[in-house]
Amino acid sequence: MEKSQNTLPIGFFDSGVGGLSVLARFKKILPKENIIYFGDTVHLPYGNKTKEELIEYAKNILNFMKNKGVKAVVIACNTSSAQAYDTIKNLFSFPIYPIIQTCAKSVANSGISRIGVFATEATVKSGKYTEELKKCNPNIIVKEMASKNWVGIVEKNSKNLERDIKNIKTELEEMLSFKPEKIILGCTHYPFLMNEFEKYVSKDLFIDPSIIFADVIKQDLERNNLLNTSNSSAKEQFFVTSKPEDFVKNAEIFYKVQNQPILL
């Protein structure tokens, strides 16, 4: 791998700002990497879209990333990982990293026998977490639950509204009745509800996939000699499909967006 290729950017995409939680973790451990982030905000939320729609969105975004000359793409979105990854994974020459498949393998090998998963409706309908967890541990017992309004609560930062607090509490209580040893927060937005979760249960119960995900990506980039070893300042570019001002505002709890997003 030529050094010039090592300095190429890594692409990240999600339906909105939630994927910035993955980017934030990634930049903590790999600060030298150049980044392109794509927020498909015009189609937010992904959780209520069909599989066909999600595959089409992913293809379009990956073609955009290809034209930008990325060396790899991170699917920083559980819904796209569940519904689109298997279809698009071999269509491009660069590595594509899916958050569900990566996280599930690590969790399934950790000795946990009973696990809950909070995710979007599309992710739960796919059954992808259960499928991937059972690939590595056929005896693991999994309960996947769709949290229909949580993405909107985070995106709008409305978690202090009475109706939203009630919604979070009700769905969490249903999951706790399953008696899980751990709960995967299977949407990149959900870790930002941790302050609400902690009112009812210890945060140690939850698994934030972005932490596992970033570490695995780093190891793979190292193994394939793709790490950026340049001493130049890392560059970041942000692209959105609608309302760049809202993106910057909503991103504040996830990541400090330094550059004005480019509207596509």
C-alpha atoms as a PDB file:
ATOM      1  CA  MET A   1       0.000   0.000   0.000  1.00  0.00           C
ATOM      2  CA  GLU A   2       1.526   3.267  -1.089  1.00  0.00           C
ATOM      3  CA  LYS A   3       1.792   5.982   1.481  1.00  0.00           C
ATOM      4  CA  SER A   4      -0.297   8.333  -0.676  1.00  0.00           C
ATOM      5  CA  GLN A   5      -3.197   5.875  -0.459  1.00  0.00           C
ATOM      6  CA  ASN A   6      -2.874   5.737   3.330  1.00  0.00           C
ATOM      7  CA  THR A   7      -3.720   9.412   3.528  1.00  0.00           C
ATOM      8  CA  LEU A   8      -7.003   8.993   1.642  1.00  0.00           C
ATOM      9  CA  PRO A   9     -10.109   9.748   3.728  1.00  0.00           C
ATOM     10  CA  ILE A  10     -12.361   7.261   5.465  1.00  0.00           C
ATOM     11  CA  GLY A  11     -16.072   7.684   4.801  1.00  0.00           C
ATOM     12  CA  PHE A  12     -18.776   7.502   7.488  1.00  0.00           C
ATOM     13  CA  PHE A  13     -22.505   7.577   6.839  1.00  0.00           C
ATOM     14  CA  ASP A  14     -25.770   7.586   8.740  1.00  0.00           C
ATOM     15  CA  SER A  15     -29.265   8.976   8.276  1.00  0.00           C
ATOM     16  CA  GLY A  16     -28.464  11.922  10.521  1.00  0.00           C
ATOM     17  CA  VAL A  17     -26.186  12.922  13.374  1.00  0.00           C
ATOM     18  CA  GLY A  18     -26.250   9.617  15.271  1.00  0.00           C
ATOM     19  CA  GLY A  19     -23.304   8.229  13.337  1.00  0.00           C
ATOM     20  CA  LEU A  20     -21.205  11.044  14.747  1.00  0.00           C
ATOM     21  CA  SER A  21     -21.058   9.009  17.969  1.00  0.00           C
ATOM     22  CA  VAL A  22     -19.098   6.379  16.030  1.00  0.00           C
ATOM     23  CA  LEU A  23     -16.945   9.077  14.443  1.00  0.00           C
ATOM     24  CA  ALA A  24     -16.209  10.617  17.856  1.00  0.00           C
ATOM     25  CA  ARG A  25     -14.983   7.305  19.241  1.00  0.00           C
ATOM     26  CA  PHE A  26     -12.990   6.624  16.080  1.00  0.00           C
ATOM     27  CA  LYS A  27     -11.236  10.005  16.184  1.00  0.00           C
ATOM     28  CA  LYS A  28     -10.235   9.445  19.809  1.00  0.00           C
ATOM     29  CA  ILE A  29      -8.147   6.443  18.859  1.00  0.00           C
ATOM     30  CA  LEU A  30      -7.195   7.471  15.288  1.00  0.00           C
ATOM     31  CA  PRO A  31      -6.893  11.273  15.296  1.00  0.00           C
ATOM     32  CA  LYS A  32      -4.694  11.413  12.174  1.00  0.00           C
ATOM     33  CA  GLU A  33      -7.300   9.988   9.807  1.00  0.00           C
ATOM     34  CA  ASN A  34      -8.957  12.228   7.227  1.00  0.00           C
ATOM     35  CA  ILE A  35     -12.736  11.951   7.331  1.00  0.00           C
ATOM     36  CA  ILE A  36     -15.748  12.397   5.069  1.00  0.00           C
ATOM     37  CA  TYR A  37     -19.109  12.198   6.870  1.00  0.00           C
ATOM     38  CA  PHE A  38     -22.385  11.847   4.970  1.00  0.00           C
ATOM     39  CA  GLY A  39     -25.631  12.583   6.834  1.00  0.00           C
ATOM     40  CA  ASP A  40     -28.602  11.505   4.700  1.00  0.00           C
ATOM     41  CA  THR A  41     -30.902  13.891   6.535  1.00  0.00           C
ATOM     42  CA  VAL A  42     -33.511  14.174   3.791  1.00  0.00           C
ATOM     43  CA  HIS A  43     -34.386  10.507   4.400  1.00  0.00           C
ATOM     44  CA  LEU A  44     -34.268  10.661   8.212  1.00  0.00           C
ATOM     45  CA  PRO A  45     -35.250   8.444   9.959  1.00  0.00           C
ATOM     46  CA  TYR A  46     -34.050   5.258   8.274  1.00  0.00           C
ATOM     47  CA  GLY A  47     -35.911   3.105  10.790  1.00  0.00           C
ATOM     48  CA  ASN A  48     -39.239   3.250   8.942  1.00  0.00           C
ATOM     49  CA  LYS A  49     -37.866   2.757   5.410  1.00  0.00           C
ATOM     50  CA  THR A  50     -38.149  -0.410   3.325  1.00  0.00           C
ATOM     51  CA  LYS A  51     -35.197  -2.684   2.651  1.00  0.00           C
ATOM     52  CA  GLU A  52     -35.260  -1.703  -1.030  1.00  0.00           C
ATOM     53  CA  GLU A  53     -35.120   1.995  -0.152  1.00  0.00           C
ATOM     54  CA  LEU A  54     -32.247   1.485   2.273  1.00  0.00           C
ATOM     55  CA  ILE A  55     -30.234  -0.487  -0.274  1.00  0.00           C
ATOM     56  CA  GLU A  56     -30.737   2.279  -2.830  1.00  0.00           C
ATOM     57  CA  TYR A  57     -29.665   4.972  -0.325  1.00  0.00           C
ATOM     58  CA  ALA A  58     -26.560   2.967   0.604  1.00  0.00           C
ATOM     59  CA  LYS A  59     -25.557   2.423  -3.030  1.00  0.00           C
ATOM     60  CA  ASN A  60     -25.903   6.128  -3.798  1.00  0.00           C
ATOM     61  CA  ILE A  61     -23.860   7.122  -0.756  1.00  0.00           C
ATOM     62  CA  LEU A  62     -21.153   4.563  -1.475  1.00  0.00           C
ATOM     63  CA  ASN A  63     -20.893   5.761  -5.063  1.00  0.00           C
ATOM     64  CA  PHE A  64     -20.494   9.282  -3.700  1.00  0.00           C
ATOM     65  CA  MET A  65     -17.734   8.027  -1.398  1.00  0.00           C
ATOM     66  CA  LYS A  66     -16.074   6.204  -4.306  1.00  0.00           C
ATOM     67  CA  ASN A  67     -16.007   9.434  -6.307  1.00  0.00           C
ATOM     68  CA  LYS A  68     -14.426  11.169  -3.309  1.00  0.00           C
ATOM     69  CA  GLY A  69     -11.606   8.621  -3.352  1.00  0.00           C
ATOM     70  CA  VAL A  70     -12.058   7.058   0.088  1.00  0.00           C
ATOM     71  CA  LYS A  71      -9.915   4.141   1.259  1.00  0.00           C
ATOM     72  CA  ALA A  72     -12.728   2.621   3.370  1.00  0.00           C
ATOM     73  CA  VAL A  73     -16.325   3.285   4.440  1.00  0.00           C
ATOM     74  CA  VAL A  74     -17.849   2.866   7.882  1.00  0.00           C
ATOM     75  CA  ILE A  75     -21.580   2.160   7.985  1.00  0.00           C
ATOM     76  CA  ALA A  76     -22.212   4.120  11.186  1.00  0.00           C
ATOM     77  CA  CYS A  77     -25.867   3.095  11.122  1.00  0.00           C
ATOM     78  CA  ASN A  78     -27.402  -0.074  12.521  1.00  0.00           C
ATOM     79  CA  THR A  79     -30.394   0.054  10.170  1.00  0.00           C
ATOM     80  CA  SER A  80     -28.229   0.208   7.040  1.00  0.00           C
ATOM     81  CA  SER A  81     -25.971  -2.528   8.422  1.00  0.00           C
ATOM     82  CA  ALA A  82     -29.040  -4.719   8.952  1.00  0.00           C
ATOM     83  CA  GLN A  83     -30.869  -4.073   5.708  1.00  0.00           C
ATOM     84  CA  ALA A  84     -28.289  -3.069   3.095  1.00  0.00           C
ATOM     85  CA  TYR A  85     -24.826  -4.414   3.952  1.00  0.00           C
ATOM     86  CA  ASP A  86     -25.261  -7.982   2.685  1.00  0.00           C
ATOM     87  CA  THR A  87     -26.398  -6.642  -0.696  1.00  0.00           C
ATOM     88  CA  ILE A  88     -23.732  -3.975  -1.184  1.00  0.00           C
ATOM     89  CA  LYS A  89     -20.707  -5.438   0.616  1.00  0.00           C
ATOM     90  CA  ASN A  90     -19.025  -6.792  -2.535  1.00  0.00           C
ATOM     91  CA  LEU A  91     -19.955  -4.007  -4.964  1.00  0.00           C
ATOM     92  CA  PHE A  92     -16.989  -1.767  -4.150  1.00  0.00           C
ATOM     93  CA  SER A  93     -13.229  -2.247  -4.062  1.00  0.00           C
ATOM     94  CA  PHE A  94     -12.682  -0.556  -0.681  1.00  0.00           C
ATOM     95  CA  PRO A  95     -13.407  -2.149   2.727  1.00  0.00           C
ATOM     96  CA  ILE A  96     -16.905  -1.549   4.126  1.00  0.00           C
ATOM     97  CA  TYR A  97     -17.377  -1.911   7.890  1.00  0.00           C
ATOM     98  CA  PRO A  98     -20.916  -2.700   9.214  1.00  0.00           C
ATOM     99  CA  ILE A  99     -21.648  -1.900  12.853  1.00  0.00           C
ATOM    100  CA  ILE A 100     -24.077  -4.777  13.641  1.00  0.00           C
ATOM    101  CA  GLN A 101     -22.026  -7.647  12.270  1.00  0.00           C
ATOM    102  CA  THR A 102     -18.859  -6.312  13.885  1.00  0.00           C
ATOM    103  CA  CYS A 103     -20.410  -5.729  17.313  1.00  0.00           C
ATOM    104  CA  ALA A 104     -22.439  -8.954  17.415  1.00  0.00           C
ATOM    105  CA  LYS A 105     -19.385 -11.145  16.891  1.00  0.00           C
ATOM    106  CA  SER A 106     -17.596  -9.536  19.845  1.00  0.00           C
ATOM    107  CA  VAL A 107     -20.623  -9.694  22.156  1.00  0.00           C
ATOM    108  CA  ALA A 108     -21.507 -13.288  21.267  1.00  0.00           C
ATOM    109  CA  ASN A 109     -18.008 -14.409  22.219  1.00  0.00           C
ATOM    110  CA  SER A 110     -18.083 -12.625  25.583  1.00  0.00           C
ATOM    111  CA  GLY A 111     -19.919 -15.353  27.521  1.00  0.00           C
ATOM    112  CA  ILE A 112     -23.270 -13.540  27.753  1.00  0.00           C
ATOM    113  CA  SER A 113     -26.211 -15.958  27.512  1.00  0.00           C
ATOM    114  CA  ARG A 114     -29.209 -13.588  27.660  1.00  0.00           C
ATOM    115  CA  ILE A 115     -29.135 -10.271  25.834  1.00  0.00           C
ATOM    116  CA  GLY A 116     -31.554  -7.506  24.903  1.00  0.00           C
ATOM    117  CA  VAL A 117     -31.316  -5.240  21.869  1.00  0.00           C
ATOM    118  CA  PHE A 118     -32.957  -1.848  21.471  1.00  0.00           C
ATOM    119  CA  ALA A 119     -33.019  -0.815  17.811  1.00  0.00           C
ATOM    120  CA  THR A 120     -35.091   0.872  15.120  1.00  0.00           C
ATOM    121  CA  GLU A 121     -38.128  -0.822  13.630  1.00  0.00           C
ATOM    122  CA  ALA A 122     -36.279  -1.694  10.409  1.00  0.00           C
ATOM    123  CA  THR A 123     -33.355  -3.241  12.314  1.00  0.00           C
ATOM    124  CA  VAL A 124     -35.657  -5.318  14.506  1.00  0.00           C
ATOM    125  CA  LYS A 125     -37.726  -6.481  11.521  1.00  0.00           C
ATOM    126  CA  SER A 126     -34.529  -7.700   9.875  1.00  0.00           C
ATOM    127  CA  GLY A 127     -33.674  -9.870  12.890  1.00  0.00           C
ATOM    128  CA  LYS A 128     -30.054  -9.145  12.068  1.00  0.00           C
ATOM    129  CA  TYR A 129     -28.768  -8.852  15.629  1.00  0.00           C
ATOM    130  CA  THR A 130     -30.285 -12.209  16.569  1.00  0.00           C
ATOM    131  CA  GLU A 131     -28.947 -13.802  13.388  1.00  0.00           C
ATOM    132  CA  GLU A 132     -25.423 -12.489  13.866  1.00  0.00           C
ATOM    133  CA  LEU A 133     -25.292 -13.239  17.601  1.00  0.00           C
ATOM    134  CA  LYS A 134     -26.461 -16.826  17.047  1.00  0.00           C
ATOM    135  CA  LYS A 135     -23.861 -17.383  14.324  1.00  0.00           C
ATOM    136  CA  CYS A 136     -21.221 -17.269  17.039  1.00  0.00           C
ATOM    137  CA  ASN A 137     -23.305 -18.536  19.968  1.00  0.00           C
ATOM    138  CA  PRO A 138     -26.322 -20.671  18.927  1.00  0.00           C
ATOM    139  CA  ASN A 139     -27.511 -20.923  22.543  1.00  0.00           C
ATOM    140  CA  ILE A 140     -27.692 -17.201  23.240  1.00  0.00           C
ATOM    141  CA  ILE A 141     -31.212 -15.915  24.035  1.00  0.00           C
ATOM    142  CA  VAL A 142     -32.001 -12.582  22.374  1.00  0.00           C
ATOM    143  CA  LYS A 143     -34.870 -10.121  22.718  1.00  0.00           C
ATOM    144  CA  GLU A 144     -34.949  -7.400  20.060  1.00  0.00           C
ATOM    145  CA  MET A 145     -37.228  -4.437  20.710  1.00  0.00           C
ATOM    146  CA  ALA A 146     -38.113  -1.560  18.389  1.00  0.00           C
ATOM    147  CA  SER A 147     -37.877   1.879  19.985  1.00  0.00           C
ATOM    148  CA  LYS A 148     -39.937   3.824  17.492  1.00  0.00           C
ATOM    149  CA  ASN A 149     -39.527   7.356  18.820  1.00  0.00           C
ATOM    150  CA  TRP A 150     -36.036   7.395  20.319  1.00  0.00           C
ATOM    151  CA  VAL A 151     -34.203   8.620  17.214  1.00  0.00           C
ATOM    152  CA  GLY A 152     -36.526  11.618  17.020  1.00  0.00           C
ATOM    153  CA  ILE A 153     -36.104  12.333  20.739  1.00  0.00           C
ATOM    154  CA  VAL A 154     -32.325  12.501  20.331  1.00  0.00           C
ATOM    155  CA  GLU A 155     -32.333  14.368  17.019  1.00  0.00           C
ATOM    156  CA  LYS A 156     -34.657  17.023  18.459  1.00  0.00           C
ATOM    157  CA  ASN A 157     -33.019  16.927  21.897  1.00  0.00           C
ATOM    158  CA  SER A 158     -36.498  16.618  23.414  1.00  0.00           C
ATOM    159  CA  LYS A 159     -35.742  14.061  26.130  1.00  0.00           C
ATOM    160  CA  ASN A 160     -36.885  16.440  28.855  1.00  0.00           C
ATOM    161  CA  LEU A 161     -40.450  16.510  27.558  1.00  0.00           C
ATOM    162  CA  GLU A 162     -42.854  14.570  29.769  1.00  0.00           C
ATOM    163  CA  ARG A 163     -44.212  12.405  26.950  1.00  0.00           C
ATOM    164  CA  ASP A 164     -40.694  11.423  25.845  1.00  0.00           C
ATOM    165  CA  ILE A 165     -39.578  10.555  29.378  1.00  0.00           C
ATOM    166  CA  LYS A 166     -42.673   8.353  29.702  1.00  0.00           C
ATOM    167  CA  ASN A 167     -41.918   6.690  26.359  1.00  0.00           C
ATOM    168  CA  ILE A 168     -38.338   5.865  27.379  1.00  0.00           C
ATOM    169  CA  LYS A 169     -39.404   4.540  30.786  1.00  0.00           C
ATOM    170  CA  THR A 170     -42.176   2.335  29.392  1.00  0.00           C
ATOM    171  CA  GLU A 171     -39.992   0.680  26.764  1.00  0.00           C
ATOM    172  CA  LEU A 172     -37.097   0.220  29.163  1.00  0.00           C
ATOM    173  CA  GLU A 173     -39.381  -1.456  31.713  1.00  0.00           C
ATOM    174  CA  GLU A 174     -40.616  -3.874  29.048  1.00  0.00           C
ATOM    175  CA  MET A 175     -37.043  -4.816  28.182  1.00  0.00           C
ATOM    176  CA  LEU A 176     -36.054  -5.221  31.848  1.00  0.00           C
ATOM    177  CA  SER A 177     -38.900  -7.715  32.342  1.00  0.00           C
ATOM    178  CA  PHE A 178     -36.925  -9.997  29.996  1.00  0.00           C
ATOM    179  CA  LYS A 179     -34.117  -9.965  32.601  1.00  0.00           C
ATOM    180  CA  PRO A 180     -31.204  -9.418  30.189  1.00  0.00           C
ATOM    181  CA  GLU A 181     -27.594  -9.720  31.339  1.00  0.00           C
ATOM    182  CA  LYS A 182     -26.728  -6.900  28.931  1.00  0.00           C
ATOM    183  CA  ILE A 183     -28.607  -4.607  26.553  1.00  0.00           C
ATOM    184  CA  ILE A 184     -27.137  -3.575  23.203  1.00  0.00           C
ATOM    185  CA  LEU A 185     -28.028  -0.024  22.203  1.00  0.00           C
ATOM    186  CA  GLY A 186     -28.544  -1.004  18.574  1.00  0.00           C
ATOM    187  CA  CYS A 187     -28.844   2.490  17.149  1.00  0.00           C
ATOM    188  CA  THR A 188     -26.082   5.084  17.194  1.00  0.00           C
ATOM    189  CA  HIS A 189     -28.493   7.644  18.680  1.00  0.00           C
ATOM    190  CA  TYR A 190     -29.422   5.642  21.776  1.00  0.00           C
ATOM    191  CA  PRO A 191     -26.270   6.060  23.913  1.00  0.00           C
ATOM    192  CA  PHE A 192     -27.230   9.726  24.171  1.00  0.00           C
ATOM    193  CA  LEU A 193     -30.254   8.720  26.244  1.00  0.00           C
ATOM    194  CA  MET A 194     -28.000   7.196  28.899  1.00  0.00           C
ATOM    195  CA  ASN A 195     -28.839   9.891  31.470  1.00  0.00           C
ATOM    196  CA  GLU A 196     -32.472   8.821  31.229  1.00  0.00           C
ATOM    197  CA  PHE A 197     -31.639   5.101  31.373  1.00  0.00           C
ATOM    198  CA  GLU A 198     -29.529   5.640  34.501  1.00  0.00           C
ATOM    199  CA  LYS A 199     -32.584   6.871  36.388  1.00  0.00           C
ATOM    200  CA  TYR A 200     -33.877   3.304  36.355  1.00  0.00           C
ATOM    201  CA  VAL A 201     -30.871   0.986  35.986  1.00  0.00           C
ATOM    202  CA  SER A 202     -27.065   1.014  36.060  1.00  0.00           C
ATOM    203  CA  LYS A 203     -25.344   2.140  32.872  1.00  0.00           C
ATOM    204  CA  ASP A 204     -23.157  -0.982  33.172  1.00  0.00           C
ATOM    205  CA  LEU A 205     -26.103  -2.958  31.817  1.00  0.00           C
ATOM    206  CA  PHE A 206     -25.717  -1.332  28.398  1.00  0.00           C
ATOM    207  CA  ILE A 207     -23.346  -2.000  25.513  1.00  0.00           C
ATOM    208  CA  ASP A 208     -22.475   0.895  23.213  1.00  0.00           C
ATOM    209  CA  PRO A 209     -21.484  -0.805  19.920  1.00  0.00           C
ATOM    210  CA  SER A 210     -19.495   2.223  18.745  1.00  0.00           C
ATOM    211  CA  ILE A 211     -16.772   1.481  21.298  1.00  0.00           C
ATOM    212  CA  ILE A 212     -16.310  -2.098  20.063  1.00  0.00           C
ATOM    213  CA  PHE A 213     -16.724  -0.993  16.458  1.00  0.00           C
ATOM    214  CA  ALA A 214     -14.009   1.670  16.458  1.00  0.00           C
ATOM    215  CA  ASP A 215     -11.487  -0.661  18.074  1.00  0.00           C
ATOM    216  CA  VAL A 216     -12.109  -3.411  15.491  1.00  0.00           C
ATOM    217  CA  ILE A 217     -11.807  -0.950  12.587  1.00  0.00           C
ATOM    218  CA  LYS A 218      -8.487   0.289  13.949  1.00  0.00           C
ATOM    219  CA  GLN A 219      -7.160  -3.267  14.169  1.00  0.00           C
ATOM    220  CA  ASP A 220      -8.258  -4.025  10.605  1.00  0.00           C
ATOM    221  CA  LEU A 221      -6.721  -0.841   9.188  1.00  0.00           C
ATOM    222  CA  GLU A 222      -3.461  -1.717  10.954  1.00  0.00           C
ATOM    223  CA  ARG A 223      -3.552  -5.276   9.602  1.00  0.00           C
ATOM    224  CA  ASN A 224      -4.044  -3.993   6.051  1.00  0.00           C
ATOM    225  CA  ASN A 225      -1.446  -1.203   6.321  1.00  0.00           C
ATOM    226  CA  LEU A 226      -4.116   1.439   5.721  1.00  0.00           C
ATOM    227  CA  LEU A 227      -3.427   3.699   8.703  1.00  0.00           C
ATOM    228  CA  ASN A 228      -2.536   7.308   7.998  1.00  0.00           C
ATOM    229  CA  THR A 229       0.972   7.899   9.349  1.00  0.00           C
ATOM    230  CA  SER A 230       1.288  11.411   7.934  1.00  0.00           C
ATOM    231  CA  ASN A 231       2.035  14.292  10.301  1.00  0.00           C
ATOM    232  CA  SER A 232      -0.271  16.631   8.377  1.00  0.00           C
ATOM    233  CA  SER A 233      -3.365  17.969  10.161  1.00  0.00           C
ATOM    234  CA  ALA A 234      -6.351  15.692   9.678  1.00  0.00           C
ATOM    235  CA  LYS A 235      -9.121  17.059   7.467  1.00  0.00           C
ATOM    236  CA  GLU A 236     -12.849  16.609   7.982  1.00  0.00           C
ATOM    237  CA  GLN A 237     -15.650  17.201   5.486  1.00  0.00           C
ATOM    238  CA  PHE A 238     -19.368  16.937   6.181  1.00  0.00           C
ATOM    239  CA  PHE A 239     -22.104  16.472   3.587  1.00  0.00           C
ATOM    240  CA  VAL A 240     -25.860  16.453   4.162  1.00  0.00           C
ATOM    241  CA  THR A 241     -28.917  16.040   1.961  1.00  0.00           C
ATOM    242  CA  SER A 242     -31.045  18.680   3.747  1.00  0.00           C
ATOM    243  CA  LYS A 243     -30.939  21.439   6.387  1.00  0.00           C
ATOM    244  CA  PRO A 244     -27.202  21.844   7.104  1.00  0.00           C
ATOM    245  CA  GLU A 245     -27.909  24.384   9.875  1.00  0.00           C
ATOM    246  CA  ASP A 246     -30.082  21.881  11.736  1.00  0.00           C
ATOM    247  CA  PHE A 247     -27.387  19.226  11.304  1.00  0.00           C
ATOM    248  CA  VAL A 248     -24.770  21.410  13.014  1.00  0.00           C
ATOM    249  CA  LYS A 249     -27.141  22.274  15.863  1.00  0.00           C
ATOM    250  CA  ASN A 250     -28.263  18.681  16.432  1.00  0.00           C
ATOM    251  CA  ALA A 251     -24.676  17.414  16.181  1.00  0.00           C
ATOM    252  CA  GLU A 252     -23.575  19.324  19.286  1.00  0.00           C
ATOM    253  CA  ILE A 253     -24.255  16.482  21.725  1.00  0.00           C
ATOM    254  CA  PHE A 254     -22.398  14.002  19.484  1.00  0.00           C
ATOM    255  CA  TYR A 255     -19.433  15.777  17.947  1.00  0.00           C
ATOM    256  CA  LYS A 256     -18.105  19.276  17.341  1.00  0.00           C
ATOM    257  CA  VAL A 257     -18.623  19.895  13.630  1.00  0.00           C
ATOM    258  CA  GLN A 258     -15.925  22.426  12.757  1.00  0.00           C
ATOM    259  CA  ASN A 259     -16.753  22.924   9.081  1.00  0.00           C
ATOM    260  CA  GLN A 260     -20.112  23.982   7.645  1.00  0.00           C
ATOM    261  CA  PRO A 261     -21.721  20.903   6.054  1.00  0.00           C
ATOM    262  CA  ILE A 262     -22.072  20.979   2.277  1.00  0.00           C
ATOM    263  CA  LEU A 263     -25.643  20.569   1.053  1.00  0.00           C
ATOM    264  CA  LEU A 264     -25.994  18.031  -1.760  1.00  0.00           C
END
